[in-house]
Amino acid sequence: MEISNAPDPTADEVETKAASRTLVRGLEVLNAVSRGHVELGDLAATLGLTRTTTYRLATTLVEHRYLSFTPRVGYALGPKLLELGFIASRQTNLAKSAREHLEVLSSRSADTVHLGVLDQDKVLYLDKIAGSRRVDISSRIGERQPLRSTGLGKALLLDASQDRLVEVYQTEQAEGRDYPIGLAEWLGRMAAYRATGVAFDLEENPDHVRCVAAPVRDVEGKIVAAISLTSARQYMDDARMNGLSSDVLETAWAISRDLGWRAPDRSTVLPSPQKSRPAAAPER
């Protein structure tokens, strides 16, 4: 008789495993409905579940709008999936539209370039093109990062109201994130960034990198994404950040024009080095 030395699973592990199993079953329900199994009995038989379990899963999906239900007809994919599909399509088209412009910017600067969008209260990285310098930028496509301390996050917030900015700052503060810049100073920086259309990350994250970022706008002029040019401090001093501001902003405008936005006259709007001068990096 073999005796296992493996420890018994904790309550949290048991709960996590059960939640994962429920999630998988819910996804299986969606897939089955998409294939035409819309009546409860047929759905249960297809999934190999009891009618009670299938009903419970389907009812939860209806409540959250992932499914809809019509008496004597059955289940159908719900409006939430249409919303998500639209967002996914827009993000895919955005990434495709931006890719060539980002490649040019990265090639010309030799630095790493990112594309990100707002995902609830975080930045979602949609694309990354590594630069040719020997600098390891730890960001990954698909990861989510805070707003107040990243160039992408600040660029995405350039049209936000003062109340919204305060909310973002205080929310991230409550999450316990270490951040060396006080609220008043941060709001002052955001006002300056809004005036030029370009935002900076001045070593405000644990990776100690600097970046220049600018928003991407859609046909209605709304900010739908942001791009950033990122490198280590030795390659990104104040003078170079100032010099790169126009390149980053022009690239963001080029992507925006591909999305239907009518960019302003660049000769009168592009920031000058003095206007976009970065604030001093925090003491460390």
C-alpha atoms as a PDB file:
ATOM      1  CA  MET A   1       0.000   0.000   0.000  1.00  0.00           C
ATOM      2  CA  GLU A   2       1.456   3.307  -1.068  1.00  0.00           C
ATOM      3  CA  ILE A   3       1.238   6.266   1.253  1.00  0.00           C
ATOM      4  CA  SER A   4       1.127   9.659  -0.424  1.00  0.00           C
ATOM      5  CA  ASN A   5       3.240  12.419   1.079  1.00  0.00           C
ATOM      6  CA  ALA A   6       1.365  15.085  -0.861  1.00  0.00           C
ATOM      7  CA  PRO A   7      -0.317  17.590   1.468  1.00  0.00           C
ATOM      8  CA  ASP A   8      -4.075  17.786   1.526  1.00  0.00           C
ATOM      9  CA  PRO A   9      -5.407  20.654  -0.571  1.00  0.00           C
ATOM     10  CA  THR A  10      -6.296  23.797   1.311  1.00  0.00           C
ATOM     11  CA  ALA A  11      -9.810  25.220   1.370  1.00  0.00           C
ATOM     12  CA  ASP A  12      -8.697  27.985  -1.015  1.00  0.00           C
ATOM     13  CA  GLU A  13      -7.268  25.447  -3.450  1.00  0.00           C
ATOM     14  CA  VAL A  14     -10.474  23.412  -3.370  1.00  0.00           C
ATOM     15  CA  GLU A  15     -12.547  26.539  -3.941  1.00  0.00           C
ATOM     16  CA  THR A  16     -10.314  27.701  -6.792  1.00  0.00           C
ATOM     17  CA  LYS A  17     -10.513  24.307  -8.490  1.00  0.00           C
ATOM     18  CA  ALA A  18     -14.311  24.259  -8.191  1.00  0.00           C
ATOM     19  CA  ALA A  19     -14.560  27.780  -9.591  1.00  0.00           C
ATOM     20  CA  SER A  20     -12.329  26.843 -12.531  1.00  0.00           C
ATOM     21  CA  ARG A  21     -14.475  23.797 -13.274  1.00  0.00           C
ATOM     22  CA  THR A  22     -17.619  25.929 -13.187  1.00  0.00           C
ATOM     23  CA  LEU A  23     -16.028  28.460 -15.534  1.00  0.00           C
ATOM     24  CA  VAL A  24     -15.068  25.744 -18.012  1.00  0.00           C
ATOM     25  CA  ARG A  25     -18.598  24.343 -17.927  1.00  0.00           C
ATOM     26  CA  GLY A  26     -20.018  27.791 -18.537  1.00  0.00           C
ATOM     27  CA  LEU A  27     -17.797  28.192 -21.594  1.00  0.00           C
ATOM     28  CA  GLU A  28     -18.903  24.761 -22.792  1.00  0.00           C
ATOM     29  CA  VAL A  29     -22.532  25.916 -22.524  1.00  0.00           C
ATOM     30  CA  LEU A  30     -21.747  28.940 -24.709  1.00  0.00           C
ATOM     31  CA  ASN A  31     -20.002  26.779 -27.288  1.00  0.00           C
ATOM     32  CA  ALA A  32     -22.886  24.305 -27.376  1.00  0.00           C
ATOM     33  CA  VAL A  33     -25.474  27.057 -27.855  1.00  0.00           C
ATOM     34  CA  SER A  34     -23.351  28.535 -30.645  1.00  0.00           C
ATOM     35  CA  ARG A  35     -23.537  25.142 -32.392  1.00  0.00           C
ATOM     36  CA  GLY A  36     -27.330  25.104 -32.251  1.00  0.00           C
ATOM     37  CA  HIS A  37     -28.072  23.164 -29.048  1.00  0.00           C
ATOM     38  CA  VAL A  38     -30.597  25.642 -27.713  1.00  0.00           C
ATOM     39  CA  GLU A  39     -33.193  23.526 -25.874  1.00  0.00           C
ATOM     40  CA  LEU A  40     -32.446  22.625 -22.252  1.00  0.00           C
ATOM     41  CA  GLY A  41     -32.727  18.851 -22.643  1.00  0.00           C
ATOM     42  CA  ASP A  42     -30.597  18.799 -25.786  1.00  0.00           C
ATOM     43  CA  LEU A  43     -28.069  21.092 -24.161  1.00  0.00           C
ATOM     44  CA  ALA A  44     -27.788  18.891 -21.065  1.00  0.00           C
ATOM     45  CA  ALA A  45     -27.376  15.728 -23.158  1.00  0.00           C
ATOM     46  CA  THR A  46     -24.723  17.344 -25.344  1.00  0.00           C
ATOM     47  CA  LEU A  47     -22.703  18.464 -22.338  1.00  0.00           C
ATOM     48  CA  GLY A  48     -23.205  15.268 -20.347  1.00  0.00           C
ATOM     49  CA  LEU A  49     -24.674  17.202 -17.410  1.00  0.00           C
ATOM     50  CA  THR A  50     -27.919  16.931 -15.497  1.00  0.00           C
ATOM     51  CA  ARG A  51     -30.773  19.212 -16.497  1.00  0.00           C
ATOM     52  CA  THR A  52     -30.526  20.921 -13.086  1.00  0.00           C
ATOM     53  CA  THR A  53     -26.821  21.733 -13.477  1.00  0.00           C
ATOM     54  CA  THR A  54     -27.298  22.852 -17.077  1.00  0.00           C
ATOM     55  CA  TYR A  55     -30.232  25.051 -16.098  1.00  0.00           C
ATOM     56  CA  ARG A  56     -28.211  26.645 -13.295  1.00  0.00           C
ATOM     57  CA  LEU A  57     -25.270  27.404 -15.593  1.00  0.00           C
ATOM     58  CA  ALA A  58     -27.481  28.730 -18.393  1.00  0.00           C
ATOM     59  CA  THR A  59     -29.520  30.888 -16.000  1.00  0.00           C
ATOM     60  CA  THR A  60     -26.334  32.510 -14.669  1.00  0.00           C
ATOM     61  CA  LEU A  61     -25.207  33.238 -18.222  1.00  0.00           C
ATOM     62  CA  VAL A  62     -28.606  34.766 -19.017  1.00  0.00           C
ATOM     63  CA  GLU A  63     -28.406  36.963 -15.910  1.00  0.00           C
ATOM     64  CA  HIS A  64     -25.037  38.280 -17.076  1.00  0.00           C
ATOM     65  CA  ARG A  65     -26.292  38.720 -20.669  1.00  0.00           C
ATOM     66  CA  TYR A  66     -23.973  36.123 -22.201  1.00  0.00           C
ATOM     67  CA  LEU A  67     -27.075  34.159 -23.203  1.00  0.00           C
ATOM     68  CA  SER A  68     -30.673  35.134 -23.857  1.00  0.00           C
ATOM     69  CA  PHE A  69     -33.712  32.919 -23.382  1.00  0.00           C
ATOM     70  CA  THR A  70     -37.042  32.851 -25.202  1.00  0.00           C
ATOM     71  CA  PRO A  71     -39.845  30.523 -23.956  1.00  0.00           C
ATOM     72  CA  ARG A  72     -40.679  27.675 -26.359  1.00  0.00           C
ATOM     73  CA  VAL A  73     -37.655  28.659 -28.463  1.00  0.00           C
ATOM     74  CA  GLY A  74     -34.680  28.165 -26.193  1.00  0.00           C
ATOM     75  CA  TYR A  75     -31.334  29.798 -25.606  1.00  0.00           C
ATOM     76  CA  ALA A  76     -29.334  32.066 -27.886  1.00  0.00           C
ATOM     77  CA  LEU A  77     -26.056  33.922 -27.629  1.00  0.00           C
ATOM     78  CA  GLY A  78     -26.632  37.137 -25.716  1.00  0.00           C
ATOM     79  CA  PRO A  79     -25.901  40.830 -26.260  1.00  0.00           C
ATOM     80  CA  LYS A  80     -22.841  40.784 -23.998  1.00  0.00           C
ATOM     81  CA  LEU A  81     -21.065  38.585 -26.520  1.00  0.00           C
ATOM     82  CA  LEU A  82     -21.903  41.078 -29.262  1.00  0.00           C
ATOM     83  CA  GLU A  83     -20.332  43.838 -27.168  1.00  0.00           C
ATOM     84  CA  LEU A  84     -17.211  41.787 -26.535  1.00  0.00           C
ATOM     85  CA  GLY A  85     -16.993  40.778 -30.172  1.00  0.00           C
ATOM     86  CA  PHE A  86     -17.174  44.401 -31.246  1.00  0.00           C
ATOM     87  CA  ILE A  87     -14.447  45.367 -28.792  1.00  0.00           C
ATOM     88  CA  ALA A  88     -12.250  42.464 -29.883  1.00  0.00           C
ATOM     89  CA  SER A  89     -12.737  43.359 -33.546  1.00  0.00           C
ATOM     90  CA  ARG A  90     -11.910  46.995 -32.880  1.00  0.00           C
ATOM     91  CA  GLN A  91      -8.778  46.082 -30.941  1.00  0.00           C
ATOM     92  CA  THR A  92      -7.666  43.699 -33.680  1.00  0.00           C
ATOM     93  CA  ASN A  93      -8.197  46.327 -36.378  1.00  0.00           C
ATOM     94  CA  LEU A  94      -6.437  48.884 -34.208  1.00  0.00           C
ATOM     95  CA  ALA A  95      -3.396  46.647 -33.766  1.00  0.00           C
ATOM     96  CA  LYS A  96      -3.246  45.977 -37.504  1.00  0.00           C
ATOM     97  CA  SER A  97      -3.568  49.669 -38.362  1.00  0.00           C
ATOM     98  CA  ALA A  98      -0.898  50.647 -35.873  1.00  0.00           C
ATOM     99  CA  ARG A  99       1.666  47.920 -36.565  1.00  0.00           C
ATOM    100  CA  GLU A 100       3.447  49.463 -39.555  1.00  0.00           C
ATOM    101  CA  HIS A 101       3.630  52.895 -37.906  1.00  0.00           C
ATOM    102  CA  LEU A 102       5.020  51.369 -34.712  1.00  0.00           C
ATOM    103  CA  GLU A 103       7.648  49.426 -36.647  1.00  0.00           C
ATOM    104  CA  VAL A 104       8.843  52.622 -38.319  1.00  0.00           C
ATOM    105  CA  LEU A 105       9.006  54.483 -35.004  1.00  0.00           C
ATOM    106  CA  SER A 106      10.935  51.656 -33.335  1.00  0.00           C
ATOM    107  CA  SER A 107      13.345  51.342 -36.250  1.00  0.00           C
ATOM    108  CA  ARG A 108      14.076  55.059 -36.361  1.00  0.00           C
ATOM    109  CA  SER A 109      14.577  55.388 -32.614  1.00  0.00           C
ATOM    110  CA  ALA A 110      16.103  51.961 -31.824  1.00  0.00           C
ATOM    111  CA  ASP A 111      13.793  51.866 -28.774  1.00  0.00           C
ATOM    112  CA  THR A 112      10.915  49.640 -27.674  1.00  0.00           C
ATOM    113  CA  VAL A 113       7.430  50.715 -28.751  1.00  0.00           C
ATOM    114  CA  HIS A 114       4.113  49.756 -27.145  1.00  0.00           C
ATOM    115  CA  LEU A 115       0.444  49.988 -28.060  1.00  0.00           C
ATOM    116  CA  GLY A 116      -2.120  49.882 -25.249  1.00  0.00           C
ATOM    117  CA  VAL A 117      -5.808  50.401 -24.562  1.00  0.00           C
ATOM    118  CA  LEU A 118      -7.891  51.107 -21.489  1.00  0.00           C
ATOM    119  CA  ASP A 119      -9.174  47.909 -19.896  1.00  0.00           C
ATOM    120  CA  GLN A 120     -11.401  48.912 -16.976  1.00  0.00           C
ATOM    121  CA  ASP A 121      -8.952  50.705 -14.658  1.00  0.00           C
ATOM    122  CA  LYS A 122      -5.745  49.328 -16.170  1.00  0.00           C
ATOM    123  CA  VAL A 123      -3.666  49.552 -19.336  1.00  0.00           C
ATOM    124  CA  LEU A 124      -3.888  46.473 -21.548  1.00  0.00           C
ATOM    125  CA  TYR A 125      -0.816  45.989 -23.755  1.00  0.00           C
ATOM    126  CA  LEU A 126      -1.942  45.079 -27.278  1.00  0.00           C
ATOM    127  CA  ASP A 127       1.398  45.155 -29.060  1.00  0.00           C
ATOM    128  CA  LYS A 128       5.110  45.489 -28.395  1.00  0.00           C
ATOM    129  CA  ILE A 129       8.021  45.947 -30.765  1.00  0.00           C
ATOM    130  CA  ALA A 130      11.394  45.489 -29.131  1.00  0.00           C
ATOM    131  CA  GLY A 131      14.112  48.026 -29.855  1.00  0.00           C
ATOM    132  CA  SER A 132      17.599  47.220 -31.075  1.00  0.00           C
ATOM    133  CA  ARG A 133      19.385  48.442 -27.957  1.00  0.00           C
ATOM    134  CA  ARG A 134      20.624  46.072 -25.277  1.00  0.00           C
ATOM    135  CA  VAL A 135      17.846  47.049 -22.910  1.00  0.00           C
ATOM    136  CA  ASP A 136      15.464  44.500 -21.413  1.00  0.00           C
ATOM    137  CA  ILE A 137      11.957  45.982 -21.247  1.00  0.00           C
ATOM    138  CA  SER A 138       9.942  43.496 -19.200  1.00  0.00           C
ATOM    139  CA  SER A 139       6.496  44.371 -20.586  1.00  0.00           C
ATOM    140  CA  ARG A 140       4.436  41.646 -22.282  1.00  0.00           C
ATOM    141  CA  ILE A 141       1.584  41.674 -24.767  1.00  0.00           C
ATOM    142  CA  GLY A 142      -1.631  40.908 -22.890  1.00  0.00           C
ATOM    143  CA  GLU A 143      -0.480  42.158 -19.498  1.00  0.00           C
ATOM    144  CA  ARG A 144      -2.269  44.906 -17.581  1.00  0.00           C
ATOM    145  CA  GLN A 145      -0.482  47.772 -15.849  1.00  0.00           C
ATOM    146  CA  PRO A 146      -1.552  50.730 -13.661  1.00  0.00           C
ATOM    147  CA  LEU A 147      -2.604  54.042 -15.174  1.00  0.00           C
ATOM    148  CA  ARG A 148      -1.062  56.773 -13.059  1.00  0.00           C
ATOM    149  CA  SER A 149       2.550  55.589 -13.274  1.00  0.00           C
ATOM    150  CA  THR A 150       2.834  54.478 -16.922  1.00  0.00           C
ATOM    151  CA  GLY A 151       3.212  56.655 -19.988  1.00  0.00           C
ATOM    152  CA  LEU A 152       0.491  54.697 -21.764  1.00  0.00           C
ATOM    153  CA  GLY A 153      -1.854  55.103 -18.809  1.00  0.00           C
ATOM    154  CA  LYS A 154      -1.354  58.853 -18.598  1.00  0.00           C
ATOM    155  CA  ALA A 155      -1.811  59.256 -22.344  1.00  0.00           C
ATOM    156  CA  LEU A 156      -5.096  57.346 -22.144  1.00  0.00           C
ATOM    157  CA  LEU A 157      -6.258  59.790 -19.441  1.00  0.00           C
ATOM    158  CA  LEU A 158      -5.418  63.045 -21.211  1.00  0.00           C
ATOM    159  CA  ASP A 159      -9.097  63.836 -21.863  1.00  0.00           C
ATOM    160  CA  ALA A 160     -10.258  62.749 -18.401  1.00  0.00           C
ATOM    161  CA  SER A 161     -11.887  65.204 -15.995  1.00  0.00           C
ATOM    162  CA  GLN A 162     -10.195  66.320 -12.790  1.00  0.00           C
ATOM    163  CA  ASP A 163     -12.599  64.163 -10.779  1.00  0.00           C
ATOM    164  CA  ARG A 164     -11.734  61.114 -12.872  1.00  0.00           C
ATOM    165  CA  LEU A 165      -8.006  61.723 -12.420  1.00  0.00           C
ATOM    166  CA  VAL A 166      -8.416  61.985  -8.662  1.00  0.00           C
ATOM    167  CA  GLU A 167     -10.449  58.766  -8.683  1.00  0.00           C
ATOM    168  CA  VAL A 168      -7.740  56.911 -10.615  1.00  0.00           C
ATOM    169  CA  TYR A 169      -4.994  58.162  -8.310  1.00  0.00           C
ATOM    170  CA  GLN A 170      -6.864  57.326  -5.117  1.00  0.00           C
ATOM    171  CA  THR A 171      -7.954  53.903  -6.377  1.00  0.00           C
ATOM    172  CA  GLU A 172      -4.381  52.880  -7.135  1.00  0.00           C
ATOM    173  CA  GLN A 173      -3.249  54.387  -3.836  1.00  0.00           C
ATOM    174  CA  ALA A 174      -5.798  52.247  -1.999  1.00  0.00           C
ATOM    175  CA  GLU A 175      -4.433  49.168  -3.771  1.00  0.00           C
ATOM    176  CA  GLY A 176      -1.198  49.726  -1.881  1.00  0.00           C
ATOM    177  CA  ARG A 177       0.965  50.529  -4.887  1.00  0.00           C
ATOM    178  CA  ASP A 178       4.207  52.309  -3.983  1.00  0.00           C
ATOM    179  CA  TYR A 179       4.283  55.639  -5.829  1.00  0.00           C
ATOM    180  CA  PRO A 180       6.616  58.531  -4.993  1.00  0.00           C
ATOM    181  CA  ILE A 181       4.524  61.365  -6.465  1.00  0.00           C
ATOM    182  CA  GLY A 182       1.796  63.074  -4.441  1.00  0.00           C
ATOM    183  CA  LEU A 183      -1.670  63.768  -5.798  1.00  0.00           C
ATOM    184  CA  ALA A 184      -1.231  67.533  -6.258  1.00  0.00           C
ATOM    185  CA  GLU A 185       2.046  67.124  -8.133  1.00  0.00           C
ATOM    186  CA  TRP A 186       0.610  64.330 -10.270  1.00  0.00           C
ATOM    187  CA  LEU A 187      -2.409  66.449 -11.233  1.00  0.00           C
ATOM    188  CA  GLY A 188      -0.045  69.296 -12.144  1.00  0.00           C
ATOM    189  CA  ARG A 189       1.948  66.996 -14.394  1.00  0.00           C
ATOM    190  CA  MET A 190      -1.225  65.696 -16.034  1.00  0.00           C
ATOM    191  CA  ALA A 191      -2.317  69.276 -16.786  1.00  0.00           C
ATOM    192  CA  ALA A 192       1.032  69.934 -18.458  1.00  0.00           C
ATOM    193  CA  TYR A 193       0.799  66.709 -20.449  1.00  0.00           C
ATOM    194  CA  ARG A 194      -2.707  67.589 -21.587  1.00  0.00           C
ATOM    195  CA  ALA A 195      -1.449  70.936 -22.891  1.00  0.00           C
ATOM    196  CA  THR A 196       1.144  69.283 -25.138  1.00  0.00           C
ATOM    197  CA  GLY A 197      -0.648  66.034 -25.971  1.00  0.00           C
ATOM    198  CA  VAL A 198       2.363  64.010 -24.827  1.00  0.00           C
ATOM    199  CA  ALA A 199       2.835  62.182 -21.514  1.00  0.00           C
ATOM    200  CA  PHE A 200       5.984  60.920 -19.800  1.00  0.00           C
ATOM    201  CA  ASP A 201       6.955  58.051 -17.534  1.00  0.00           C
ATOM    202  CA  LEU A 202       9.934  59.262 -15.483  1.00  0.00           C
ATOM    203  CA  GLU A 203      11.088  56.033 -13.860  1.00  0.00           C
ATOM    204  CA  GLU A 204       7.827  55.816 -11.912  1.00  0.00           C
ATOM    205  CA  ASN A 205       7.588  52.029 -12.096  1.00  0.00           C
ATOM    206  CA  PRO A 206       9.784  49.330 -10.561  1.00  0.00           C
ATOM    207  CA  ASP A 207      11.511  48.666 -13.909  1.00  0.00           C
ATOM    208  CA  HIS A 208      13.094  52.173 -13.824  1.00  0.00           C
ATOM    209  CA  VAL A 209      12.479  52.942 -17.475  1.00  0.00           C
ATOM    210  CA  ARG A 210      11.467  56.179 -19.132  1.00  0.00           C
ATOM    211  CA  CYS A 211       9.008  56.638 -21.944  1.00  0.00           C
ATOM    212  CA  VAL A 212       7.246  59.185 -24.108  1.00  0.00           C
ATOM    213  CA  ALA A 213       3.576  58.435 -24.872  1.00  0.00           C
ATOM    214  CA  ALA A 214       0.723  59.925 -26.883  1.00  0.00           C
ATOM    215  CA  PRO A 215      -2.958  59.048 -27.365  1.00  0.00           C
ATOM    216  CA  VAL A 216      -4.569  57.534 -30.457  1.00  0.00           C
ATOM    217  CA  ARG A 217      -8.001  58.875 -31.433  1.00  0.00           C
ATOM    218  CA  ASP A 218     -10.889  57.479 -33.458  1.00  0.00           C
ATOM    219  CA  VAL A 219     -13.056  59.147 -36.081  1.00  0.00           C
ATOM    220  CA  GLU A 220     -14.978  61.015 -33.352  1.00  0.00           C
ATOM    221  CA  GLY A 221     -11.794  62.289 -31.739  1.00  0.00           C
ATOM    222  CA  LYS A 222     -12.109  60.034 -28.698  1.00  0.00           C
ATOM    223  CA  ILE A 223      -8.997  58.476 -27.183  1.00  0.00           C
ATOM    224  CA  VAL A 224      -9.160  54.750 -27.956  1.00  0.00           C
ATOM    225  CA  ALA A 225      -5.521  53.756 -27.425  1.00  0.00           C
ATOM    226  CA  ALA A 226      -2.054  55.093 -26.735  1.00  0.00           C
ATOM    227  CA  ILE A 227       1.475  54.445 -27.940  1.00  0.00           C
ATOM    228  CA  SER A 228       4.740  54.795 -26.059  1.00  0.00           C
ATOM    229  CA  LEU A 229       8.445  54.833 -26.829  1.00  0.00           C
ATOM    230  CA  THR A 230      10.409  53.249 -23.979  1.00  0.00           C
ATOM    231  CA  SER A 231      14.031  52.869 -22.962  1.00  0.00           C
ATOM    232  CA  ALA A 232      16.412  52.967 -20.013  1.00  0.00           C
ATOM    233  CA  ARG A 233      17.455  56.293 -18.506  1.00  0.00           C
ATOM    234  CA  GLN A 234      20.900  56.264 -20.112  1.00  0.00           C
ATOM    235  CA  TYR A 235      19.244  56.375 -23.530  1.00  0.00           C
ATOM    236  CA  MET A 236      16.355  58.626 -22.525  1.00  0.00           C
ATOM    237  CA  ASP A 237      17.535  61.794 -20.781  1.00  0.00           C
ATOM    238  CA  ASP A 238      15.383  64.939 -20.658  1.00  0.00           C
ATOM    239  CA  ALA A 239      16.788  66.363 -23.870  1.00  0.00           C
ATOM    240  CA  ARG A 240      16.105  63.206 -25.862  1.00  0.00           C
ATOM    241  CA  MET A 241      12.604  62.858 -24.422  1.00  0.00           C
ATOM    242  CA  ASN A 242      11.884  66.382 -25.605  1.00  0.00           C
ATOM    243  CA  GLY A 243      13.263  65.584 -29.030  1.00  0.00           C
ATOM    244  CA  LEU A 244      11.229  62.393 -29.328  1.00  0.00           C
ATOM    245  CA  SER A 245       7.939  64.042 -28.353  1.00  0.00           C
ATOM    246  CA  SER A 246       7.189  65.213 -31.883  1.00  0.00           C
ATOM    247  CA  ASP A 247       8.035  61.800 -33.382  1.00  0.00           C
ATOM    248  CA  VAL A 248       5.756  59.977 -30.945  1.00  0.00           C
ATOM    249  CA  LEU A 249       2.920  62.450 -31.404  1.00  0.00           C
ATOM    250  CA  GLU A 250       3.194  62.333 -35.190  1.00  0.00           C
ATOM    251  CA  THR A 251       3.095  58.528 -35.092  1.00  0.00           C
ATOM    252  CA  ALA A 252      -0.007  58.609 -32.881  1.00  0.00           C
ATOM    253  CA  TRP A 253      -1.621  61.040 -35.297  1.00  0.00           C
ATOM    254  CA  ALA A 254      -0.777  58.834 -38.279  1.00  0.00           C
ATOM    255  CA  ILE A 255      -2.492  55.870 -36.615  1.00  0.00           C
ATOM    256  CA  SER A 256      -5.429  58.110 -35.694  1.00  0.00           C
ATOM    257  CA  ARG A 257      -5.781  59.259 -39.303  1.00  0.00           C
ATOM    258  CA  ASP A 258      -5.964  55.607 -40.371  1.00  0.00           C
ATOM    259  CA  LEU A 259      -8.873  55.263 -37.922  1.00  0.00           C
ATOM    260  CA  GLY A 260     -10.644  58.245 -39.500  1.00  0.00           C
ATOM    261  CA  TRP A 261      -9.540  61.087 -37.229  1.00  0.00           C
ATOM    262  CA  ARG A 262      -8.804  64.440 -38.821  1.00  0.00           C
ATOM    263  CA  ALA A 263      -5.551  65.525 -37.229  1.00  0.00           C
ATOM    264  CA  PRO A 264      -4.905  69.246 -36.675  1.00  0.00           C
ATOM    265  CA  ASP A 265      -2.270  71.235 -38.508  1.00  0.00           C
ATOM    266  CA  ARG A 266       0.957  69.735 -37.171  1.00  0.00           C
ATOM    267  CA  SER A 267       2.947  72.928 -37.730  1.00  0.00           C
ATOM    268  CA  THR A 268       0.880  74.798 -35.124  1.00  0.00           C
ATOM    269  CA  VAL A 269       0.198  72.033 -32.621  1.00  0.00           C
ATOM    270  CA  LEU A 270       3.303  69.851 -32.241  1.00  0.00           C
ATOM    271  CA  PRO A 271       4.974  70.553 -28.882  1.00  0.00           C
ATOM    272  CA  SER A 272       8.262  72.367 -28.745  1.00  0.00           C
ATOM    273  CA  PRO A 273      11.058  71.039 -26.537  1.00  0.00           C
ATOM    274  CA  GLN A 274      10.519  73.802 -23.955  1.00  0.00           C
ATOM    275  CA  LYS A 275       6.768  73.234 -23.704  1.00  0.00           C
ATOM    276  CA  SER A 276       7.134  69.465 -23.252  1.00  0.00           C
ATOM    277  CA  ARG A 277      10.088  69.582 -20.856  1.00  0.00           C
ATOM    278  CA  PRO A 278       9.803  66.616 -18.451  1.00  0.00           C
ATOM    279  CA  ALA A 279       9.466  67.209 -14.762  1.00  0.00           C
ATOM    280  CA  ALA A 280      12.422  66.068 -12.695  1.00  0.00           C
ATOM    281  CA  ALA A 281      12.469  62.389 -11.902  1.00  0.00           C
ATOM    282  CA  PRO A 282      11.693  61.550  -8.274  1.00  0.00           C
ATOM    283  CA  GLU A 283      14.562  61.009  -5.892  1.00  0.00           C
ATOM    284  CA  ARG A 284      15.369  57.308  -5.292  1.00  0.00           C
END
